[in-house]
Amino acid sequence: MSRPFAIALIGQKFMGRAHSNAWSQAARFFDLGLTPLLHTVSAREPRELEQFAERWGWLNTTTDWRDIVGYDDIELVDIGTPNHVHAEPAIAMLEARKHVACEKPLAGTLEDARAMAKAARQAARRGVKTFVWFNYRRCPAMALAQRLVREGKLGAIRHVRAHYLQDWGGPTTPLSWRFQRKLAGSGAHGDLNAHIVDLARFLVGEEVSEVHGALARTFVHERPLPDAPRKRGKSDVDDCVLFLASFAGGATASFEASRLAPGHQNDNSIELNGEKGSLRFSFENMNVLELCEVSDKRTDGWKRIMCTAAGLHPYAAAWWPDAHVLGYEHGFVNMAADILRVLDGKAPEAPLPDFEDAYQTQRVLEAALLSARERCAIKLSEVK
């Protein structure tokens, strides 16, 4: 029999909506031993906060996240704020022995990410768990891809190609926190490359050992201010970053991120090439995984797999009849369900990233920025 599981949320914007929907839907579609109770939501704007809580079903509100520390009945705190305000509440909640789920990237800086990973290691000794919302792992196609690689379908991985391209970041886009280094840490790099570095590590099952070279560019240096469109403010983050890397097992990799790529609305794509075959995925066609196996040259070629069959594909059994496709929000619901499974002592459908896992991704991001700045190769052993 399922028991109520009290959750608090910090943040009420884009990710606040995505996470609220996920917690609301998880127990409706998955058979879980824990049923989320939307206990408290915290954000800075009182009027917006009350409206948000009413719409999404949160029972309590506070404009000071520190109040959540004192709620003994809250078991997990979900952090959906901008990158620069991940570390302080995450560490405080871990010290209060509350589980923490945090948006990606883990932090705005490597220093903050390091502190969060250290706090998580200390909290783990007391049974406290951490999670990071790398939600694209929860697409059935990506979870299936990870299983196929582990089963040896591709053999040894030789080559990884990944790009994440969007088109919304042009010069008329207002100066939100995402375009300010002091708040975001980086631009397209932390926002988009974080996802594909995580996916590559998730699929290959190895760590990146070296960044061989990187290129970072800012094309839009000033943007309209959100509250005064005729005035402009400085945009000081990267608009695109490209870098080359190697995995510990020898596979080469390329990563490319941009928010200035017309026609690419949310083109999160990755391809793995191995000695026995290849696979590829694009989120703009998120229900499909393409697979090529070279065991028989007569039938060599790409196979299109619709990853919606119950009993065959991860997460599919919880949702709709076969071929009734899933969308963006389902990855968050799938992740919420996996978090609740783990906290109930059960195995997740696909491996979940914790703070330590996300810290390794942050190290790769830092190495790429160092490589771009110093115009040299950076070994990951040099990035602590």
Protein backbone atom coordinates (compact mmCIF):
# COMPACT_ATOMS: atom_id res chain seq x y z
CA MET A 1 0.00 0.00 0.00
CA SER A 2 1.33 3.42 -0.97
CA ARG A 3 2.11 6.03 1.69
CA PRO A 4 2.20 9.83 1.34
CA PHE A 5 5.65 11.28 0.67
CA ALA A 6 5.98 15.03 1.37
CA ILE A 7 7.91 17.09 -1.18
CA ALA A 8 8.93 20.76 -1.27
CA LEU A 9 9.80 22.70 -4.40
CA ILE A 10 12.06 25.75 -4.69
CA GLY A 11 11.31 27.69 -7.87
CA GLN A 12 8.13 28.37 -9.81
CA LYS A 13 9.11 29.20 -13.40
CA PHE A 14 9.71 26.84 -16.36
CA MET A 15 11.22 23.99 -14.35
CA GLY A 16 8.84 24.60 -11.47
CA ARG A 17 5.97 23.84 -13.80
CA ALA A 18 7.69 20.79 -15.30
CA HIS A 19 8.52 19.35 -11.88
CA SER A 20 5.11 20.11 -10.38
CA ASN A 21 3.43 18.27 -13.23
CA ALA A 22 5.82 15.34 -12.80
CA TRP A 23 5.16 14.92 -9.08
CA SER A 24 1.41 15.28 -9.69
CA GLN A 25 1.32 12.60 -12.38
CA ALA A 26 3.85 10.00 -11.22
CA ALA A 27 1.59 8.01 -8.89
CA ARG A 28 -1.31 8.23 -11.35
CA PHE A 29 0.57 6.33 -14.04
CA PHE A 30 3.11 4.23 -12.13
CA ASP A 31 2.47 1.70 -9.36
CA LEU A 32 4.54 3.21 -6.56
CA GLY A 33 4.99 2.59 -2.86
CA LEU A 34 5.26 6.35 -2.27
CA THR A 35 2.63 8.90 -3.33
CA PRO A 36 3.92 12.47 -3.69
CA LEU A 37 2.32 15.02 -1.39
CA LEU A 38 2.92 18.54 -2.71
CA HIS A 39 3.67 20.09 0.67
CA THR A 40 5.35 23.48 0.13
CA VAL A 41 6.55 25.61 -2.78
CA SER A 42 8.98 28.48 -2.31
CA ALA A 43 9.68 31.43 -4.62
CA ARG A 44 10.42 35.14 -4.33
CA GLU A 45 7.29 36.80 -5.78
CA PRO A 46 4.33 36.39 -3.35
CA ARG A 47 1.54 37.12 -5.84
CA GLU A 48 2.89 34.79 -8.51
CA LEU A 49 3.66 32.20 -5.85
CA GLU A 50 0.10 32.00 -4.58
CA GLN A 51 -1.26 31.66 -8.10
CA PHE A 52 1.30 28.99 -8.89
CA ALA A 53 0.49 27.00 -5.75
CA GLU A 54 -3.23 27.10 -6.45
CA ARG A 55 -2.81 26.00 -10.05
CA TRP A 56 -0.46 23.12 -9.33
CA GLY A 57 -1.86 21.93 -6.02
CA TRP A 58 0.85 22.91 -3.53
CA LEU A 59 -0.56 23.06 -0.01
CA ASN A 60 1.75 25.71 1.45
CA THR A 61 3.91 28.59 0.23
CA THR A 62 6.88 30.55 1.51
CA THR A 63 9.05 33.28 0.04
CA ASP A 64 12.05 32.08 2.06
CA TRP A 65 13.32 28.61 1.19
CA ARG A 66 15.01 28.41 4.60
CA ASP A 67 11.60 27.83 6.16
CA ILE A 68 11.59 24.39 4.51
CA VAL A 69 14.51 23.28 6.66
CA GLY A 70 12.24 23.42 9.71
CA TYR A 71 9.47 21.24 8.26
CA ASP A 72 10.31 17.83 9.69
CA ASP A 73 7.65 16.08 7.63
CA ILE A 74 9.17 17.15 4.29
CA GLU A 75 11.30 14.26 3.02
CA LEU A 76 12.56 15.53 -0.34
CA VAL A 77 13.35 19.03 -1.58
CA ASP A 78 13.29 19.72 -5.31
CA ILE A 79 15.44 22.64 -6.51
CA GLY A 80 14.31 24.22 -9.79
CA THR A 81 16.03 27.61 -9.56
CA PRO A 82 18.68 29.32 -11.73
CA ASN A 83 22.13 27.72 -11.57
CA HIS A 84 23.81 30.16 -9.18
CA VAL A 85 21.30 29.43 -6.40
CA HIS A 86 21.54 25.64 -6.38
CA ALA A 87 24.37 25.18 -3.90
CA GLU A 88 23.19 26.98 -0.75
CA PRO A 89 19.72 25.42 -0.46
CA ALA A 90 20.94 21.99 -1.59
CA ILE A 91 23.65 21.85 1.06
CA ALA A 92 21.29 23.18 3.74
CA MET A 93 18.68 20.53 2.95
CA LEU A 94 21.25 17.74 2.93
CA GLU A 95 22.50 18.86 6.32
CA ALA A 96 18.88 18.73 7.52
CA ARG A 97 18.78 15.10 6.32
CA LYS A 98 16.36 15.72 3.48
CA HIS A 99 16.75 14.06 0.09
CA VAL A 100 17.46 16.56 -2.68
CA ALA A 101 16.61 16.60 -6.38
CA CYS A 102 18.32 19.43 -8.27
CA GLU A 103 18.00 20.89 -11.74
CA LYS A 104 20.92 20.65 -14.16
CA PRO A 105 23.68 21.63 -14.48
CA LEU A 106 24.52 20.81 -10.90
CA ALA A 107 25.73 24.38 -10.28
CA GLY A 108 26.83 27.57 -11.99
CA THR A 109 30.49 27.00 -11.10
CA LEU A 110 32.74 24.02 -10.56
CA GLU A 111 33.48 25.29 -7.04
CA ASP A 112 29.78 25.16 -6.11
CA ALA A 113 29.39 21.75 -7.77
CA ARG A 114 32.35 20.42 -5.81
CA ALA A 115 30.85 21.64 -2.54
CA MET A 116 27.50 20.06 -3.41
CA ALA A 117 29.10 16.72 -4.26
CA LYS A 118 31.04 16.78 -0.98
CA ALA A 119 27.87 17.52 0.99
CA ALA A 120 26.09 14.70 -0.82
CA ARG A 121 28.83 12.21 0.04
CA GLN A 122 28.59 13.18 3.69
CA ALA A 123 24.79 12.98 3.68
CA ALA A 124 24.87 9.58 1.98
CA ARG A 125 26.47 8.13 5.11
CA ARG A 126 23.20 8.97 6.88
CA GLY A 127 21.06 7.42 4.14
CA VAL A 128 20.25 10.70 2.38
CA LYS A 129 20.04 10.52 -1.44
CA THR A 130 20.53 13.05 -4.21
CA PHE A 131 19.22 13.26 -7.77
CA VAL A 132 19.78 15.58 -10.76
CA TRP A 133 17.15 16.27 -13.40
CA PHE A 134 18.93 15.10 -16.53
CA ASN A 135 15.51 14.24 -17.87
CA TYR A 136 16.53 13.07 -21.36
CA ARG A 137 17.80 9.83 -19.83
CA ARG A 138 14.12 9.07 -19.16
CA CYS A 139 13.07 9.00 -22.82
CA PRO A 140 12.22 5.36 -23.55
CA ALA A 141 14.49 5.48 -26.61
CA MET A 142 17.47 6.65 -24.55
CA ALA A 143 16.87 4.13 -21.77
CA LEU A 144 16.64 1.40 -24.42
CA ALA A 145 19.84 2.64 -26.07
CA GLN A 146 21.68 2.41 -22.77
CA ARG A 147 20.52 -1.20 -22.35
CA LEU A 148 21.57 -2.13 -25.88
CA VAL A 149 25.06 -0.74 -25.31
CA ARG A 150 25.36 -2.66 -22.02
CA GLU A 151 24.23 -5.84 -23.80
CA GLY A 152 27.09 -5.44 -26.28
CA LYS A 153 24.94 -4.74 -29.34
CA LEU A 154 27.40 -2.13 -30.60
CA GLY A 155 30.56 -3.77 -29.33
CA ALA A 156 33.34 -1.44 -28.24
CA ILE A 157 32.34 2.19 -28.74
CA ARG A 158 34.68 4.03 -31.09
CA HIS A 159 33.01 7.32 -31.81
CA VAL A 160 30.37 9.58 -30.24
CA ARG A 161 28.76 12.55 -32.02
CA ALA A 162 26.43 14.81 -30.07
CA HIS A 163 24.86 18.19 -30.67
CA TYR A 164 22.18 20.22 -28.98
CA LEU A 165 20.95 23.08 -31.15
CA GLN A 166 18.18 25.60 -30.50
CA ASP A 167 17.10 28.77 -32.29
CA TRP A 168 15.48 30.95 -29.60
CA GLY A 169 18.55 32.92 -28.49
CA GLY A 170 18.71 35.61 -31.18
CA PRO A 171 19.41 39.32 -30.59
CA THR A 172 15.76 40.17 -29.84
CA THR A 173 15.59 37.66 -26.97
CA PRO A 174 15.48 39.57 -23.65
CA LEU A 175 18.34 39.50 -21.16
CA SER A 176 17.14 36.76 -18.80
CA TRP A 177 19.38 35.11 -16.20
CA ARG A 178 20.43 32.58 -18.82
CA PHE A 179 22.49 35.28 -20.59
CA GLN A 180 24.32 36.52 -17.48
CA ARG A 181 27.47 34.69 -16.46
CA LYS A 182 27.14 35.60 -12.77
CA LEU A 183 23.77 33.80 -12.68
CA ALA A 184 24.10 31.00 -15.25
CA GLY A 185 27.84 30.29 -15.16
CA SER A 186 27.84 29.79 -18.92
CA GLY A 187 25.40 30.02 -21.81
CA ALA A 188 24.59 27.33 -24.36
CA HIS A 189 27.42 25.29 -22.84
CA GLY A 190 25.94 24.77 -19.37
CA ASP A 191 22.37 24.80 -20.65
CA LEU A 192 22.74 22.39 -23.57
CA ASN A 193 26.15 20.73 -23.59
CA ALA A 194 25.41 19.63 -20.02
CA HIS A 195 22.63 17.42 -21.35
CA ILE A 196 24.59 15.79 -24.16
CA VAL A 197 27.69 15.24 -22.02
CA ASP A 198 25.45 13.50 -19.49
CA LEU A 199 23.80 11.43 -22.23
CA ALA A 200 27.16 10.42 -23.68
CA ARG A 201 28.47 9.34 -20.27
CA PHE A 202 25.20 7.54 -19.57
CA LEU A 203 25.28 5.61 -22.86
CA VAL A 204 29.00 4.86 -23.16
CA GLY A 205 29.31 3.96 -19.48
CA GLU A 206 32.74 5.56 -19.19
CA GLU A 207 34.19 8.88 -18.11
CA VAL A 208 35.66 11.51 -20.41
CA SER A 209 39.43 11.46 -19.97
CA GLU A 210 40.54 14.48 -22.00
CA VAL A 211 39.23 17.50 -23.87
CA HIS A 212 41.50 17.93 -26.90
CA GLY A 213 40.27 21.32 -28.02
CA ALA A 214 37.33 23.68 -27.72
CA LEU A 215 35.86 26.79 -29.27
CA ALA A 216 33.46 29.22 -27.54
CA ARG A 217 31.84 32.25 -29.15
CA THR A 218 29.52 35.05 -28.07
CA PHE A 219 27.74 36.63 -31.04
CA VAL A 220 25.06 38.67 -29.28
CA HIS A 221 26.76 41.03 -26.81
CA GLU A 222 23.73 43.14 -25.82
CA ARG A 223 20.08 42.23 -25.32
CA PRO A 224 16.85 44.10 -24.51
CA LEU A 225 16.12 44.38 -20.81
CA PRO A 226 12.98 42.39 -19.87
CA ASP A 227 11.24 45.32 -18.14
CA ALA A 228 12.57 48.05 -20.45
CA PRO A 229 12.83 46.71 -24.02
CA ARG A 230 14.26 49.95 -25.39
CA LYS A 231 17.24 49.65 -23.06
CA ARG A 232 19.92 47.02 -23.45
CA GLY A 233 22.13 45.08 -21.09
CA LYS A 234 25.32 43.07 -21.48
CA SER A 235 25.09 39.42 -22.52
CA ASP A 236 28.36 37.84 -21.42
CA VAL A 237 27.83 34.10 -21.86
CA ASP A 238 28.71 31.85 -24.78
CA ASP A 239 26.19 31.55 -27.60
CA CYS A 240 27.85 28.41 -28.96
CA VAL A 241 30.54 26.01 -27.77
CA LEU A 242 32.13 23.10 -29.66
CA PHE A 243 34.70 20.69 -28.28
CA LEU A 244 36.45 17.38 -29.00
CA ALA A 245 37.12 14.78 -26.34
CA SER A 246 38.13 11.19 -25.60
CA PHE A 247 36.57 8.63 -23.29
CA ALA A 248 38.64 6.49 -20.95
CA GLY A 249 38.15 3.44 -23.19
CA GLY A 250 39.48 5.25 -26.25
CA ALA A 251 36.31 6.41 -27.98
CA THR A 252 36.50 9.83 -29.62
CA ALA A 253 33.70 12.33 -29.11
CA SER A 254 32.46 15.66 -30.45
CA PHE A 255 30.03 17.96 -28.65
CA GLU A 256 28.31 21.02 -30.09
CA ALA A 257 25.81 23.41 -28.52
CA SER A 258 24.17 26.58 -29.82
CA ARG A 259 21.06 28.65 -29.17
CA LEU A 260 21.55 30.47 -32.48
CA ALA A 261 20.77 27.69 -34.96
CA PRO A 262 17.71 28.64 -37.08
CA GLY A 263 15.40 25.71 -37.75
CA HIS A 264 16.62 23.71 -34.76
CA GLN A 265 13.94 24.17 -32.13
CA ASN A 266 15.09 21.54 -29.62
CA ASP A 267 17.51 19.39 -31.57
CA ASN A 268 19.14 17.25 -28.90
CA SER A 269 20.85 14.53 -30.93
CA ILE A 270 23.43 11.85 -30.20
CA GLU A 271 25.01 9.05 -32.22
CA LEU A 272 27.23 6.20 -31.04
CA ASN A 273 29.35 4.20 -33.49
CA GLY A 274 30.83 0.88 -32.35
CA GLU A 275 32.64 -2.10 -33.79
CA LYS A 276 29.38 -4.03 -34.29
CA GLY A 277 26.94 -1.26 -35.08
CA SER A 278 25.63 2.22 -34.43
CA LEU A 279 22.65 3.95 -32.88
CA ARG A 280 21.29 7.48 -33.09
CA PHE A 281 18.60 9.58 -31.48
CA SER A 282 17.07 13.02 -31.91
CA PHE A 283 14.74 14.48 -29.32
CA GLU A 284 12.72 16.21 -32.03
CA ASN A 285 11.63 12.64 -32.88
CA MET A 286 11.85 11.44 -29.29
CA ASN A 287 9.88 8.20 -29.55
CA VAL A 288 12.24 6.73 -32.15
CA LEU A 289 15.65 5.10 -31.81
CA GLU A 290 17.60 4.23 -34.94
CA LEU A 291 19.87 1.18 -34.85
CA CYS A 292 22.31 -0.25 -37.38
CA GLU A 293 23.80 -3.72 -36.86
CA VAL A 294 26.50 -4.99 -39.23
CA SER A 295 26.31 -8.72 -38.48
CA ASP A 296 24.85 -9.44 -41.92
CA LYS A 297 26.07 -7.27 -44.80
CA ARG A 298 23.03 -8.27 -46.88
CA THR A 299 20.72 -6.42 -44.47
CA ASP A 300 23.15 -3.80 -43.24
CA GLY A 301 21.43 -0.45 -42.72
CA TRP A 302 19.45 1.67 -40.30
CA LYS A 303 16.45 0.23 -38.48
CA ARG A 304 13.75 2.53 -37.09
CA ILE A 305 12.51 1.41 -33.65
CA MET A 306 9.31 2.96 -32.30
CA CYS A 307 9.98 2.82 -28.54
CA THR A 308 6.38 2.68 -27.33
CA ALA A 309 5.71 -1.04 -26.81
CA ALA A 310 4.72 -2.15 -23.32
CA GLY A 311 6.96 -4.93 -22.04
CA LEU A 312 9.64 -4.21 -24.63
CA HIS A 313 10.64 -0.60 -24.08
CA PRO A 314 11.43 1.20 -20.80
CA TYR A 315 8.55 3.17 -19.22
CA ALA A 316 6.14 2.37 -22.06
CA ALA A 317 3.94 0.04 -19.98
CA ALA A 318 2.93 2.90 -17.66
CA TRP A 319 1.55 5.05 -20.44
CA TRP A 320 -0.62 4.55 -23.52
CA PRO A 321 -1.30 1.75 -26.02
CA ASP A 322 1.57 0.98 -28.38
CA ALA A 323 2.53 3.80 -30.77
CA HIS A 324 0.55 6.42 -28.80
CA VAL A 325 3.59 8.64 -28.45
CA LEU A 326 5.03 10.43 -25.45
CA GLY A 327 6.12 14.09 -25.19
CA TYR A 328 8.53 16.38 -23.35
CA GLU A 329 6.73 16.27 -20.01
CA HIS A 330 6.79 12.47 -19.83
CA GLY A 331 10.55 12.39 -19.27
CA PHE A 332 10.05 14.36 -16.06
CA VAL A 333 7.22 12.10 -14.91
CA ASN A 334 9.35 9.03 -15.65
CA MET A 335 12.15 10.52 -13.59
CA ALA A 336 9.87 11.40 -10.68
CA ALA A 337 8.67 7.79 -10.68
CA ASP A 338 12.24 6.48 -10.68
CA ILE A 339 13.20 8.79 -7.80
CA LEU A 340 10.25 7.51 -5.77
CA ARG A 341 11.16 3.91 -6.59
CA VAL A 342 14.71 4.42 -5.33
CA LEU A 343 13.52 6.13 -2.14
CA ASP A 344 11.23 3.15 -1.59
CA GLY A 345 14.19 0.77 -1.81
CA LYS A 346 13.52 -0.40 -5.35
CA ALA A 347 15.52 -0.22 -8.57
CA PRO A 348 14.90 2.55 -11.12
CA GLU A 349 13.91 1.75 -14.68
CA ALA A 350 17.16 3.38 -15.85
CA PRO A 351 20.17 4.59 -13.84
CA LEU A 352 19.60 7.89 -12.06
CA PRO A 353 22.25 10.64 -11.85
CA ASP A 354 23.13 11.80 -8.34
CA PHE A 355 25.27 14.77 -7.29
CA GLU A 356 28.50 12.81 -7.75
CA ASP A 357 27.44 11.77 -11.25
CA ALA A 358 26.48 15.35 -12.18
CA TYR A 359 29.76 16.62 -10.73
CA GLN A 360 31.62 14.48 -13.26
CA THR A 361 29.61 16.13 -16.06
CA GLN A 362 30.43 19.55 -14.55
CA ARG A 363 34.14 18.68 -14.66
CA VAL A 364 33.86 18.00 -18.39
CA LEU A 365 32.07 21.32 -18.93
CA GLU A 366 34.81 23.12 -17.00
CA ALA A 367 37.54 21.37 -18.98
CA ALA A 368 35.94 22.50 -22.24
CA LEU A 369 35.78 26.13 -21.08
CA LEU A 370 39.42 25.95 -19.95
CA SER A 371 40.40 24.46 -23.30
CA ALA A 372 38.61 27.22 -25.20
CA ARG A 373 40.21 29.93 -23.06
CA GLU A 374 43.74 28.50 -22.99
CA ARG A 375 43.63 27.08 -26.55
CA CYS A 376 45.09 23.77 -25.44
CA ALA A 377 44.13 20.23 -24.50
CA ILE A 378 42.93 19.66 -20.93
CA LYS A 379 43.17 16.31 -19.17
CA LEU A 380 40.27 15.64 -16.80
CA SER A 381 42.78 14.61 -14.17
CA GLU A 382 43.76 18.30 -14.05
CA VAL A 383 40.20 19.46 -13.32
CA LYS A 384 39.27 18.77 -9.70
